[in-house]
Amino acid sequence: MRRTPEEIEEIFHGSGSTYGSPKVFIELVRAGWRVSVNTVAKVMAELGPAGRKIRGRRSLTRPGRRAAAPDFVHRDVTAEEPDLVWVGDLTEI
């Protein structure tokens, strides 16, 4: 059995245009097709679709990049009355 380029494009677009040749290959094998991952990559290269690259998560708290902000409250967050000291964690923003 031979998979046509239209069917490869159908799997690619069915994934939201995110699958690359390895995942398209896996879908074809699960569907019972005998095809190599290199053949799928070749057909996809000829057709033009390319999967999206997954970007790694970037950490915001890398040591050594710049000096830490000054600690004006000296880690003491108690206050005598409301609205005197505001504290927050911006690690994930």
Protein backbone atom coordinates (compact mmCIF):
# COMPACT_ATOMS: atom_id res chain seq x y z
CA MET A 1 0.00 0.00 0.00
CA ARG A 2 1.26 3.45 -0.81
CA ARG A 3 0.16 6.64 0.93
CA THR A 4 -0.58 9.52 -1.40
CA PRO A 5 0.68 13.05 -0.71
CA GLU A 6 -2.90 14.24 -0.29
CA GLU A 7 -3.42 11.82 2.60
CA ILE A 8 -0.17 12.93 4.26
CA GLU A 9 -1.33 16.53 3.97
CA GLU A 10 -4.70 15.51 5.44
CA ILE A 11 -2.98 14.10 8.54
CA PHE A 12 -0.76 17.18 8.76
CA HIS A 13 -3.65 19.65 8.54
CA GLY A 14 -5.78 17.46 10.81
CA SER A 15 -3.18 17.98 13.52
CA GLY A 16 -3.57 21.74 13.30
CA SER A 17 -0.42 21.96 11.15
CA THR A 18 1.74 20.93 14.10
CA TYR A 19 2.87 17.40 13.24
CA GLY A 20 6.26 16.88 11.66
CA SER A 21 7.27 13.83 9.66
CA PRO A 22 7.88 11.58 12.71
CA LYS A 23 4.36 12.06 14.06
CA VAL A 24 2.78 11.79 10.59
CA PHE A 25 4.75 8.55 10.19
CA ILE A 26 3.37 7.25 13.52
CA GLU A 27 -0.18 8.05 12.41
CA LEU A 28 0.36 6.19 9.14
CA VAL A 29 1.76 3.12 10.91
CA ARG A 30 -1.17 3.13 13.35
CA ALA A 31 -3.49 3.19 10.36
CA GLY A 32 -1.79 0.04 9.05
CA TRP A 33 0.44 1.52 6.37
CA ARG A 34 3.95 0.24 5.66
CA VAL A 35 6.06 3.30 5.00
CA SER A 36 9.38 4.63 6.27
CA VAL A 37 9.82 7.84 8.22
CA ASN A 38 12.31 9.01 5.59
CA THR A 39 9.75 8.60 2.82
CA VAL A 40 7.24 10.64 4.78
CA ALA A 41 9.89 13.31 5.41
CA LYS A 42 10.75 13.39 1.69
CA VAL A 43 7.12 13.76 0.63
CA MET A 44 6.52 16.46 3.24
CA ALA A 45 9.63 18.33 2.08
CA GLU A 46 8.34 18.24 -1.50
CA LEU A 47 4.89 19.43 -0.45
CA GLY A 48 6.17 22.14 1.87
CA PRO A 49 4.38 21.59 5.18
CA ALA A 50 6.60 21.64 8.24
CA GLY A 51 5.68 20.94 11.83
CA ARG A 52 5.98 23.59 14.51
CA LYS A 53 9.02 23.48 16.71
CA ILE A 54 8.33 23.21 20.39
CA ARG A 55 10.02 26.04 22.20
CA GLY A 56 11.48 25.29 25.58
CA ARG A 57 10.29 27.19 28.59
CA ARG A 58 12.55 30.05 29.55
CA SER A 59 13.27 30.61 33.19
CA LEU A 60 12.97 34.14 34.51
CA THR A 61 15.16 33.56 37.54
CA ARG A 62 18.59 32.92 36.09
CA PRO A 63 21.34 33.78 38.55
CA GLY A 64 24.17 36.04 37.52
CA ARG A 65 22.42 37.99 34.77
CA ARG A 66 22.01 41.24 36.70
CA ALA A 67 22.02 42.46 40.25
CA ALA A 68 19.03 41.64 42.42
CA ALA A 69 16.54 44.40 43.16
CA PRO A 70 17.07 46.14 46.48
CA ASP A 71 15.15 44.70 49.42
CA PHE A 72 13.55 47.80 50.93
CA VAL A 73 11.53 45.89 53.57
CA HIS A 74 14.43 43.61 54.55
CA ARG A 75 12.18 40.54 54.27
CA ASP A 76 9.93 41.86 57.05
CA VAL A 77 6.43 42.04 55.58
CA THR A 78 4.54 42.83 58.75
CA ALA A 79 2.85 46.25 58.92
CA GLU A 80 1.22 48.28 61.67
CA GLU A 81 -1.75 49.27 59.52
CA PRO A 82 -3.23 48.26 56.13
CA ASP A 83 -1.82 49.58 52.85
CA LEU A 84 1.63 50.30 54.27
CA VAL A 85 3.62 47.41 52.78
CA TRP A 86 2.74 45.60 49.55
CA VAL A 87 4.31 42.23 48.76
CA GLY A 88 4.02 40.05 45.68
CA ASP A 89 5.71 37.23 43.81
CA LEU A 90 6.51 37.96 40.16
CA THR A 91 8.39 34.76 39.48
CA GLU A 92 6.00 33.41 36.84
CA ILE A 93 4.89 36.65 35.22
